[in-house]
Amino acid sequence: MYTTSSGLLHGKRIMITGASSGIGAASARLFADEGASVVLMARREKPLCDLAEEIRAAGGRAAAVAGDVTSPGDVERVVSVAVEAFGGLDAAFNNAGWGARGTDLHETADSAYDRIMDVNVRGVWNCLRHQIPLMLDQRTGGTIVNTSSTAGLFATGALAPYVAAKHAVLGLTKAAAAEYGARGIRVNALVVGTTRTGLTEQNPRGGPQRPVATRAIQHRMADPSEVAQAAAWLCSDRSSFVTGGAVPVDGGCSAV
């Protein structure tokens, strides 16, 4: 049964994108275990609904809404479900992302550039544009966490558009934090290193960031649950004086 193991997120209503697998799924389980009501969004409906059912069967509170973060209408619908199911939104983890590697900049197709920018940048943009108004209307503040990457700090061997997109996520995070901090909304980003997900397990090259693991001080990839723990802290009241930050969860990669 889900119990508030530490009470870290007790009573919080939290939206999670990219929730059907990897970091998003690990965060959904952890947030529910810590007492949050979670609204899950991802494109793949079956694993998303299965995860929500798993959480509910264990005593947690979860709603699942299939959708694409690149669609403003889909994002608006998920935010509306947060209101309908749980009465509002206290926090959001904008985690959905997409990337690839292996193509030089001059050989990268426009379609690849468009897809990477749409998911990683426009996706966060769409989420912020619909989450922030609700938080402002509630007049109780809120906290938002966006998933960036070590590619948001330096070139990692990933596709150039991915590097540009993750830099943009940090820019959006800082701009939103500056604009809404006085109105009680905190916005931070996670700078995530290579993480063990289905993509890195299936692909020997490991997606856009696999080589970064060898640069990390800890010389390993993260488990998705380790990233989820950092996201949970940023979504909680324990990080109340943290905003506009780029918080590294990268095994020390950005320190060297």
C-alpha atoms as a PDB file:
ATOM      1  CA  MET A   1       0.000   0.000   0.000  1.00  0.00           C
ATOM      2  CA  TYR A   2       1.203   3.517  -0.759  1.00  0.00           C
ATOM      3  CA  THR A   3       1.959   5.439   2.406  1.00  0.00           C
ATOM      4  CA  THR A   4       3.535   8.809   2.998  1.00  0.00           C
ATOM      5  CA  SER A   5       6.969   7.333   3.662  1.00  0.00           C
ATOM      6  CA  SER A   6       8.390  10.691   4.731  1.00  0.00           C
ATOM      7  CA  GLY A   7       5.501  13.042   4.066  1.00  0.00           C
ATOM      8  CA  LEU A   8       7.675  14.951   1.611  1.00  0.00           C
ATOM      9  CA  LEU A   9       4.827  15.613  -0.834  1.00  0.00           C
ATOM     10  CA  HIS A  10       1.840  15.044   1.412  1.00  0.00           C
ATOM     11  CA  GLY A  11      -1.249  16.727  -0.031  1.00  0.00           C
ATOM     12  CA  LYS A  12       0.501  17.976  -3.178  1.00  0.00           C
ATOM     13  CA  ARG A  13      -1.214  17.734  -6.559  1.00  0.00           C
ATOM     14  CA  ILE A  14       1.461  17.186  -9.183  1.00  0.00           C
ATOM     15  CA  MET A  15       1.437  16.887 -12.976  1.00  0.00           C
ATOM     16  CA  ILE A  16       4.163  14.712 -14.559  1.00  0.00           C
ATOM     17  CA  THR A  17       4.875  14.604 -18.290  1.00  0.00           C
ATOM     18  CA  GLY A  18       6.750  11.802 -20.012  1.00  0.00           C
ATOM     19  CA  ALA A  19       5.285   9.647 -17.256  1.00  0.00           C
ATOM     20  CA  SER A  20       4.884   6.309 -19.030  1.00  0.00           C
ATOM     21  CA  SER A  21       8.483   5.140 -18.599  1.00  0.00           C
ATOM     22  CA  GLY A  22      11.947   5.975 -17.328  1.00  0.00           C
ATOM     23  CA  ILE A  23      12.363   9.023 -15.100  1.00  0.00           C
ATOM     24  CA  GLY A  24       8.705   9.982 -15.455  1.00  0.00           C
ATOM     25  CA  ALA A  25       7.393   6.595 -14.305  1.00  0.00           C
ATOM     26  CA  ALA A  26       9.888   6.428 -11.427  1.00  0.00           C
ATOM     27  CA  SER A  27       8.788   9.905 -10.362  1.00  0.00           C
ATOM     28  CA  ALA A  28       5.109   8.961 -10.525  1.00  0.00           C
ATOM     29  CA  ARG A  29       5.672   6.033  -8.177  1.00  0.00           C
ATOM     30  CA  LEU A  30       7.858   8.015  -5.789  1.00  0.00           C
ATOM     31  CA  PHE A  31       5.608  11.088  -5.691  1.00  0.00           C
ATOM     32  CA  ALA A  32       2.575   8.900  -4.957  1.00  0.00           C
ATOM     33  CA  ASP A  33       4.518   7.067  -2.273  1.00  0.00           C
ATOM     34  CA  GLU A  34       5.369  10.436  -0.725  1.00  0.00           C
ATOM     35  CA  GLY A  35       1.694  11.383  -0.536  1.00  0.00           C
ATOM     36  CA  ALA A  36       1.081  13.319  -3.748  1.00  0.00           C
ATOM     37  CA  SER A  37      -1.903  13.001  -6.050  1.00  0.00           C
ATOM     38  CA  VAL A  38      -0.353  12.602  -9.494  1.00  0.00           C
ATOM     39  CA  VAL A  39      -1.700  13.501 -12.927  1.00  0.00           C
ATOM     40  CA  LEU A  40       0.249  11.540 -15.510  1.00  0.00           C
ATOM     41  CA  MET A  41       0.753  12.552 -19.139  1.00  0.00           C
ATOM     42  CA  ALA A  42       2.488  10.711 -21.983  1.00  0.00           C
ATOM     43  CA  ARG A  43       1.770   9.744 -25.557  1.00  0.00           C
ATOM     44  CA  ARG A  44       1.581   5.979 -24.924  1.00  0.00           C
ATOM     45  CA  GLU A  45      -1.818   5.373 -23.396  1.00  0.00           C
ATOM     46  CA  LYS A  46      -1.601   1.744 -22.258  1.00  0.00           C
ATOM     47  CA  PRO A  47       1.586   1.926 -20.152  1.00  0.00           C
ATOM     48  CA  LEU A  48       0.398   5.254 -18.784  1.00  0.00           C
ATOM     49  CA  CYS A  49      -2.969   3.837 -17.697  1.00  0.00           C
ATOM     50  CA  ASP A  50      -1.309   0.690 -16.353  1.00  0.00           C
ATOM     51  CA  LEU A  51       0.964   2.825 -14.192  1.00  0.00           C
ATOM     52  CA  ALA A  52      -1.940   4.882 -12.869  1.00  0.00           C
ATOM     53  CA  GLU A  53      -3.839   1.694 -12.043  1.00  0.00           C
ATOM     54  CA  GLU A  54      -0.760   0.296 -10.266  1.00  0.00           C
ATOM     55  CA  ILE A  55      -0.578   3.415  -8.107  1.00  0.00           C
ATOM     56  CA  ARG A  56      -4.299   3.369  -7.323  1.00  0.00           C
ATOM     57  CA  ALA A  57      -4.258  -0.367  -6.536  1.00  0.00           C
ATOM     58  CA  ALA A  58      -1.531   0.287  -3.972  1.00  0.00           C
ATOM     59  CA  GLY A  59      -3.557   3.031  -2.301  1.00  0.00           C
ATOM     60  CA  GLY A  60      -2.190   6.054  -4.124  1.00  0.00           C
ATOM     61  CA  ARG A  61      -4.062   8.714  -6.063  1.00  0.00           C
ATOM     62  CA  ALA A  62      -3.436   8.958  -9.798  1.00  0.00           C
ATOM     63  CA  ALA A  63      -5.106  10.089 -13.012  1.00  0.00           C
ATOM     64  CA  ALA A  64      -3.771   9.315 -16.485  1.00  0.00           C
ATOM     65  CA  VAL A  65      -4.306  11.394 -19.618  1.00  0.00           C
ATOM     66  CA  ALA A  66      -2.702  10.380 -22.900  1.00  0.00           C
ATOM     67  CA  GLY A  67      -1.409  13.351 -24.867  1.00  0.00           C
ATOM     68  CA  ASP A  68       1.495  15.023 -26.604  1.00  0.00           C
ATOM     69  CA  VAL A  69       3.274  17.956 -24.943  1.00  0.00           C
ATOM     70  CA  THR A  70       3.789  19.529 -28.371  1.00  0.00           C
ATOM     71  CA  SER A  71       0.014  20.067 -28.549  1.00  0.00           C
ATOM     72  CA  PRO A  72      -1.228  23.046 -26.490  1.00  0.00           C
ATOM     73  CA  GLY A  73      -4.703  21.511 -26.471  1.00  0.00           C
ATOM     74  CA  ASP A  74      -3.427  18.254 -25.013  1.00  0.00           C
ATOM     75  CA  VAL A  75      -1.546  20.062 -22.264  1.00  0.00           C
ATOM     76  CA  GLU A  76      -4.558  22.220 -21.456  1.00  0.00           C
ATOM     77  CA  ARG A  77      -6.661  19.065 -21.186  1.00  0.00           C
ATOM     78  CA  VAL A  78      -4.258  17.477 -18.694  1.00  0.00           C
ATOM     79  CA  VAL A  79      -4.224  20.617 -16.539  1.00  0.00           C
ATOM     80  CA  SER A  80      -8.032  20.585 -16.603  1.00  0.00           C
ATOM     81  CA  VAL A  81      -8.013  16.973 -15.390  1.00  0.00           C
ATOM     82  CA  ALA A  82      -5.824  18.020 -12.460  1.00  0.00           C
ATOM     83  CA  VAL A  83      -8.551  20.459 -11.473  1.00  0.00           C
ATOM     84  CA  GLU A  84     -11.392  18.011 -12.071  1.00  0.00           C
ATOM     85  CA  ALA A  85      -9.773  15.052 -10.325  1.00  0.00           C
ATOM     86  CA  PHE A  86      -7.893  16.713  -7.492  1.00  0.00           C
ATOM     87  CA  GLY A  87      -9.051  20.316  -7.293  1.00  0.00           C
ATOM     88  CA  GLY A  88      -5.952  22.064  -8.594  1.00  0.00           C
ATOM     89  CA  LEU A  89      -2.220  21.897  -9.190  1.00  0.00           C
ATOM     90  CA  ASP A  90       0.536  22.564  -6.671  1.00  0.00           C
ATOM     91  CA  ALA A  91       3.541  21.377  -8.656  1.00  0.00           C
ATOM     92  CA  ALA A  92       4.581  20.083 -12.052  1.00  0.00           C
ATOM     93  CA  PHE A  93       7.449  17.987 -13.339  1.00  0.00           C
ATOM     94  CA  ASN A  94       7.848  18.782 -17.050  1.00  0.00           C
ATOM     95  CA  ASN A  95       9.954  15.792 -17.892  1.00  0.00           C
ATOM     96  CA  ALA A  96       8.981  14.775 -21.447  1.00  0.00           C
ATOM     97  CA  GLY A  97      11.864  14.907 -23.877  1.00  0.00           C
ATOM     98  CA  TRP A  98      13.267  13.365 -27.016  1.00  0.00           C
ATOM     99  CA  GLY A  99      16.705  13.115 -28.570  1.00  0.00           C
ATOM    100  CA  ALA A 100      19.047  11.109 -30.775  1.00  0.00           C
ATOM    101  CA  ARG A 101      22.721  11.015 -31.638  1.00  0.00           C
ATOM    102  CA  GLY A 102      25.019  10.036 -34.440  1.00  0.00           C
ATOM    103  CA  THR A 103      24.507  12.734 -37.087  1.00  0.00           C
ATOM    104  CA  ASP A 104      26.723  15.732 -37.746  1.00  0.00           C
ATOM    105  CA  LEU A 105      25.056  19.149 -37.683  1.00  0.00           C
ATOM    106  CA  HIS A 106      25.355  19.675 -41.429  1.00  0.00           C
ATOM    107  CA  GLU A 107      23.766  16.276 -42.096  1.00  0.00           C
ATOM    108  CA  THR A 108      20.918  16.596 -39.591  1.00  0.00           C
ATOM    109  CA  ALA A 109      17.536  16.650 -41.287  1.00  0.00           C
ATOM    110  CA  ASP A 110      15.166  19.546 -40.737  1.00  0.00           C
ATOM    111  CA  SER A 111      12.584  17.037 -39.524  1.00  0.00           C
ATOM    112  CA  ALA A 112      14.943  15.855 -36.762  1.00  0.00           C
ATOM    113  CA  TYR A 113      15.631  19.458 -35.720  1.00  0.00           C
ATOM    114  CA  ASP A 114      11.906  20.229 -35.670  1.00  0.00           C
ATOM    115  CA  ARG A 115      11.021  17.160 -33.607  1.00  0.00           C
ATOM    116  CA  ILE A 116      13.759  17.729 -31.039  1.00  0.00           C
ATOM    117  CA  MET A 117      12.844  21.387 -30.617  1.00  0.00           C
ATOM    118  CA  ASP A 118       9.114  20.677 -30.510  1.00  0.00           C
ATOM    119  CA  VAL A 119       9.287  18.074 -27.752  1.00  0.00           C
ATOM    120  CA  ASN A 120      12.055  19.541 -25.612  1.00  0.00           C
ATOM    121  CA  VAL A 121      11.391  23.273 -25.935  1.00  0.00           C
ATOM    122  CA  ARG A 122       7.848  23.786 -27.179  1.00  0.00           C
ATOM    123  CA  GLY A 123       6.736  21.001 -24.847  1.00  0.00           C
ATOM    124  CA  VAL A 124       8.073  22.857 -21.802  1.00  0.00           C
ATOM    125  CA  TRP A 125       6.705  26.131 -23.196  1.00  0.00           C
ATOM    126  CA  ASN A 126       3.224  24.651 -23.585  1.00  0.00           C
ATOM    127  CA  CYS A 127       3.311  23.272 -20.068  1.00  0.00           C
ATOM    128  CA  LEU A 128       4.436  26.537 -18.501  1.00  0.00           C
ATOM    129  CA  ARG A 129       1.762  28.504 -20.399  1.00  0.00           C
ATOM    130  CA  HIS A 130      -1.022  26.339 -18.956  1.00  0.00           C
ATOM    131  CA  GLN A 131       0.356  25.455 -15.526  1.00  0.00           C
ATOM    132  CA  ILE A 132       1.313  28.980 -14.448  1.00  0.00           C
ATOM    133  CA  PRO A 133      -2.113  30.612 -14.972  1.00  0.00           C
ATOM    134  CA  LEU A 134      -3.751  27.953 -12.807  1.00  0.00           C
ATOM    135  CA  MET A 135      -1.167  28.418 -10.073  1.00  0.00           C
ATOM    136  CA  LEU A 136      -1.671  32.188 -10.229  1.00  0.00           C
ATOM    137  CA  ASP A 137      -5.466  31.815 -10.022  1.00  0.00           C
ATOM    138  CA  GLN A 138      -5.154  29.546  -6.983  1.00  0.00           C
ATOM    139  CA  ARG A 139      -3.162  32.265  -5.172  1.00  0.00           C
ATOM    140  CA  THR A 140      -1.282  29.599  -3.231  1.00  0.00           C
ATOM    141  CA  GLY A 141       1.918  29.577  -5.285  1.00  0.00           C
ATOM    142  CA  GLY A 142       3.443  26.496  -6.789  1.00  0.00           C
ATOM    143  CA  THR A 143       6.635  24.916  -7.994  1.00  0.00           C
ATOM    144  CA  ILE A 144       7.656  23.706 -11.446  1.00  0.00           C
ATOM    145  CA  VAL A 145      10.575  21.464 -12.372  1.00  0.00           C
ATOM    146  CA  ASN A 146      11.774  21.177 -15.985  1.00  0.00           C
ATOM    147  CA  THR A 147      14.076  18.416 -17.187  1.00  0.00           C
ATOM    148  CA  SER A 148      17.192  19.721 -18.871  1.00  0.00           C
ATOM    149  CA  SER A 149      20.427  17.818 -19.310  1.00  0.00           C
ATOM    150  CA  THR A 150      24.174  18.085 -19.156  1.00  0.00           C
ATOM    151  CA  ALA A 151      23.698  18.903 -22.853  1.00  0.00           C
ATOM    152  CA  GLY A 152      22.209  22.151 -21.566  1.00  0.00           C
ATOM    153  CA  LEU A 153      25.629  23.084 -20.174  1.00  0.00           C
ATOM    154  CA  PHE A 154      28.117  21.792 -22.737  1.00  0.00           C
ATOM    155  CA  ALA A 155      28.359  19.813 -25.970  1.00  0.00           C
ATOM    156  CA  THR A 156      27.989  16.120 -25.151  1.00  0.00           C
ATOM    157  CA  GLY A 157      28.232  14.353 -28.480  1.00  0.00           C
ATOM    158  CA  ALA A 158      24.469  14.584 -28.833  1.00  0.00           C
ATOM    159  CA  LEU A 159      22.829  16.078 -31.893  1.00  0.00           C
ATOM    160  CA  ALA A 160      23.415  19.816 -32.073  1.00  0.00           C
ATOM    161  CA  PRO A 161      19.647  20.542 -31.941  1.00  0.00           C
ATOM    162  CA  TYR A 162      19.405  18.522 -28.707  1.00  0.00           C
ATOM    163  CA  VAL A 163      22.204  20.567 -27.153  1.00  0.00           C
ATOM    164  CA  ALA A 164      20.479  23.766 -28.278  1.00  0.00           C
ATOM    165  CA  ALA A 165      17.105  22.565 -26.985  1.00  0.00           C
ATOM    166  CA  LYS A 166      18.388  21.679 -23.533  1.00  0.00           C
ATOM    167  CA  HIS A 167      20.134  25.069 -23.301  1.00  0.00           C
ATOM    168  CA  ALA A 168      16.769  26.618 -24.172  1.00  0.00           C
ATOM    169  CA  VAL A 169      15.054  24.713 -21.360  1.00  0.00           C
ATOM    170  CA  LEU A 170      17.464  26.311 -18.896  1.00  0.00           C
ATOM    171  CA  GLY A 171      16.708  29.725 -20.397  1.00  0.00           C
ATOM    172  CA  LEU A 172      12.957  29.243 -20.111  1.00  0.00           C
ATOM    173  CA  THR A 173      13.401  28.038 -16.546  1.00  0.00           C
ATOM    174  CA  LYS A 174      15.378  31.107 -15.486  1.00  0.00           C
ATOM    175  CA  ALA A 175      13.051  33.511 -17.281  1.00  0.00           C
ATOM    176  CA  ALA A 176       9.940  31.983 -15.709  1.00  0.00           C
ATOM    177  CA  ALA A 177      11.545  31.942 -12.265  1.00  0.00           C
ATOM    178  CA  ALA A 178      12.384  35.634 -12.587  1.00  0.00           C
ATOM    179  CA  GLU A 179       8.916  36.599 -13.834  1.00  0.00           C
ATOM    180  CA  TYR A 180       6.840  34.696 -11.296  1.00  0.00           C
ATOM    181  CA  GLY A 181       9.008  34.455  -8.187  1.00  0.00           C
ATOM    182  CA  ALA A 182       7.365  37.470  -6.543  1.00  0.00           C
ATOM    183  CA  ARG A 183       3.986  35.792  -7.094  1.00  0.00           C
ATOM    184  CA  GLY A 184       4.924  32.631  -5.259  1.00  0.00           C
ATOM    185  CA  ILE A 185       5.869  30.330  -8.125  1.00  0.00           C
ATOM    186  CA  ARG A 186       9.274  28.668  -8.088  1.00  0.00           C
ATOM    187  CA  VAL A 187      10.761  27.243 -11.298  1.00  0.00           C
ATOM    188  CA  ASN A 188      13.866  25.071 -11.428  1.00  0.00           C
ATOM    189  CA  ALA A 189      15.539  22.683 -13.854  1.00  0.00           C
ATOM    190  CA  LEU A 190      17.244  19.364 -13.351  1.00  0.00           C
ATOM    191  CA  VAL A 191      20.524  18.996 -15.226  1.00  0.00           C
ATOM    192  CA  VAL A 192      20.348  15.257 -15.796  1.00  0.00           C
ATOM    193  CA  GLY A 193      23.263  13.071 -16.788  1.00  0.00           C
ATOM    194  CA  THR A 194      23.054   9.729 -18.553  1.00  0.00           C
ATOM    195  CA  THR A 195      20.259   7.700 -17.002  1.00  0.00           C
ATOM    196  CA  ARG A 196      19.528   3.996 -17.264  1.00  0.00           C
ATOM    197  CA  THR A 197      16.265   3.789 -19.201  1.00  0.00           C
ATOM    198  CA  GLY A 198      14.762   1.522 -21.813  1.00  0.00           C
ATOM    199  CA  LEU A 199      16.526   3.521 -24.513  1.00  0.00           C
ATOM    200  CA  THR A 200      20.001   3.159 -23.022  1.00  0.00           C
ATOM    201  CA  GLU A 201      19.444  -0.535 -22.353  1.00  0.00           C
ATOM    202  CA  GLN A 202      18.275  -1.294 -25.891  1.00  0.00           C
ATOM    203  CA  ASN A 203      20.718   0.943 -27.745  1.00  0.00           C
ATOM    204  CA  PRO A 204      24.444   0.176 -27.269  1.00  0.00           C
ATOM    205  CA  ARG A 205      25.166   3.805 -28.055  1.00  0.00           C
ATOM    206  CA  GLY A 206      22.699   4.764 -25.374  1.00  0.00           C
ATOM    207  CA  GLY A 207      20.721   7.585 -26.927  1.00  0.00           C
ATOM    208  CA  PRO A 208      21.959  11.162 -26.917  1.00  0.00           C
ATOM    209  CA  GLN A 209      24.030  11.073 -23.725  1.00  0.00           C
ATOM    210  CA  ARG A 210      25.643   7.662 -23.229  1.00  0.00           C
ATOM    211  CA  PRO A 211      29.272   8.937 -23.626  1.00  0.00           C
ATOM    212  CA  VAL A 212      28.691  11.422 -20.782  1.00  0.00           C
ATOM    213  CA  ALA A 213      28.557   8.536 -18.309  1.00  0.00           C
ATOM    214  CA  THR A 214      32.290   7.964 -18.776  1.00  0.00           C
ATOM    215  CA  ARG A 215      32.934  11.606 -17.871  1.00  0.00           C
ATOM    216  CA  ALA A 216      30.969  11.474 -14.619  1.00  0.00           C
ATOM    217  CA  ILE A 217      32.956  11.394 -11.385  1.00  0.00           C
ATOM    218  CA  GLN A 218      30.947   8.353 -10.291  1.00  0.00           C
ATOM    219  CA  HIS A 219      31.655   6.573 -13.612  1.00  0.00           C
ATOM    220  CA  ARG A 220      28.150   5.193 -13.998  1.00  0.00           C
ATOM    221  CA  MET A 221      24.687   6.011 -15.246  1.00  0.00           C
ATOM    222  CA  ALA A 222      21.936   7.157 -12.903  1.00  0.00           C
ATOM    223  CA  ASP A 223      18.987   4.993 -12.016  1.00  0.00           C
ATOM    224  CA  PRO A 224      15.705   6.783 -12.859  1.00  0.00           C
ATOM    225  CA  SER A 225      14.767   6.671  -9.174  1.00  0.00           C
ATOM    226  CA  GLU A 226      17.796   8.828  -8.319  1.00  0.00           C
ATOM    227  CA  VAL A 227      16.600  11.564 -10.653  1.00  0.00           C
ATOM    228  CA  ALA A 228      13.080  11.184  -9.263  1.00  0.00           C
ATOM    229  CA  GLN A 229      14.366  11.850  -5.740  1.00  0.00           C
ATOM    230  CA  ALA A 230      15.851  15.171  -6.842  1.00  0.00           C
ATOM    231  CA  ALA A 231      12.621  16.117  -8.624  1.00  0.00           C
ATOM    232  CA  ALA A 232      10.601  15.251  -5.518  1.00  0.00           C
ATOM    233  CA  TRP A 233      12.737  17.524  -3.363  1.00  0.00           C
ATOM    234  CA  LEU A 234      12.360  20.422  -5.799  1.00  0.00           C
ATOM    235  CA  CYS A 235       8.579  19.884  -5.870  1.00  0.00           C
ATOM    236  CA  SER A 236       8.443  19.898  -2.080  1.00  0.00           C
ATOM    237  CA  ASP A 237       8.369  22.728   0.445  1.00  0.00           C
ATOM    238  CA  ARG A 238      11.828  21.694   1.634  1.00  0.00           C
ATOM    239  CA  SER A 239      13.331  23.487  -1.373  1.00  0.00           C
ATOM    240  CA  SER A 240      11.427  26.689  -0.586  1.00  0.00           C
ATOM    241  CA  PHE A 241      14.419  29.016  -1.139  1.00  0.00           C
ATOM    242  CA  VAL A 242      15.491  27.403  -4.415  1.00  0.00           C
ATOM    243  CA  THR A 243      14.329  28.952  -7.691  1.00  0.00           C
ATOM    244  CA  GLY A 244      15.861  29.687 -11.074  1.00  0.00           C
ATOM    245  CA  GLY A 245      18.319  26.892 -10.429  1.00  0.00           C
ATOM    246  CA  ALA A 246      19.970  24.350 -12.696  1.00  0.00           C
ATOM    247  CA  VAL A 247      20.335  21.495 -10.248  1.00  0.00           C
ATOM    248  CA  PRO A 248      22.831  18.823 -11.371  1.00  0.00           C
ATOM    249  CA  VAL A 249      21.867  15.160 -11.093  1.00  0.00           C
ATOM    250  CA  ASP A 250      24.735  13.924 -13.204  1.00  0.00           C
ATOM    251  CA  GLY A 251      27.175  11.960 -11.055  1.00  0.00           C
ATOM    252  CA  GLY A 252      29.561  14.917 -11.050  1.00  0.00           C
ATOM    253  CA  CYS A 253      29.779  15.199 -14.822  1.00  0.00           C
ATOM    254  CA  SER A 254      29.344  18.978 -14.799  1.00  0.00           C
ATOM    255  CA  ALA A 255      32.024  19.396 -12.119  1.00  0.00           C
ATOM    256  CA  VAL A 256      34.922  18.307 -14.332  1.00  0.00           C
END
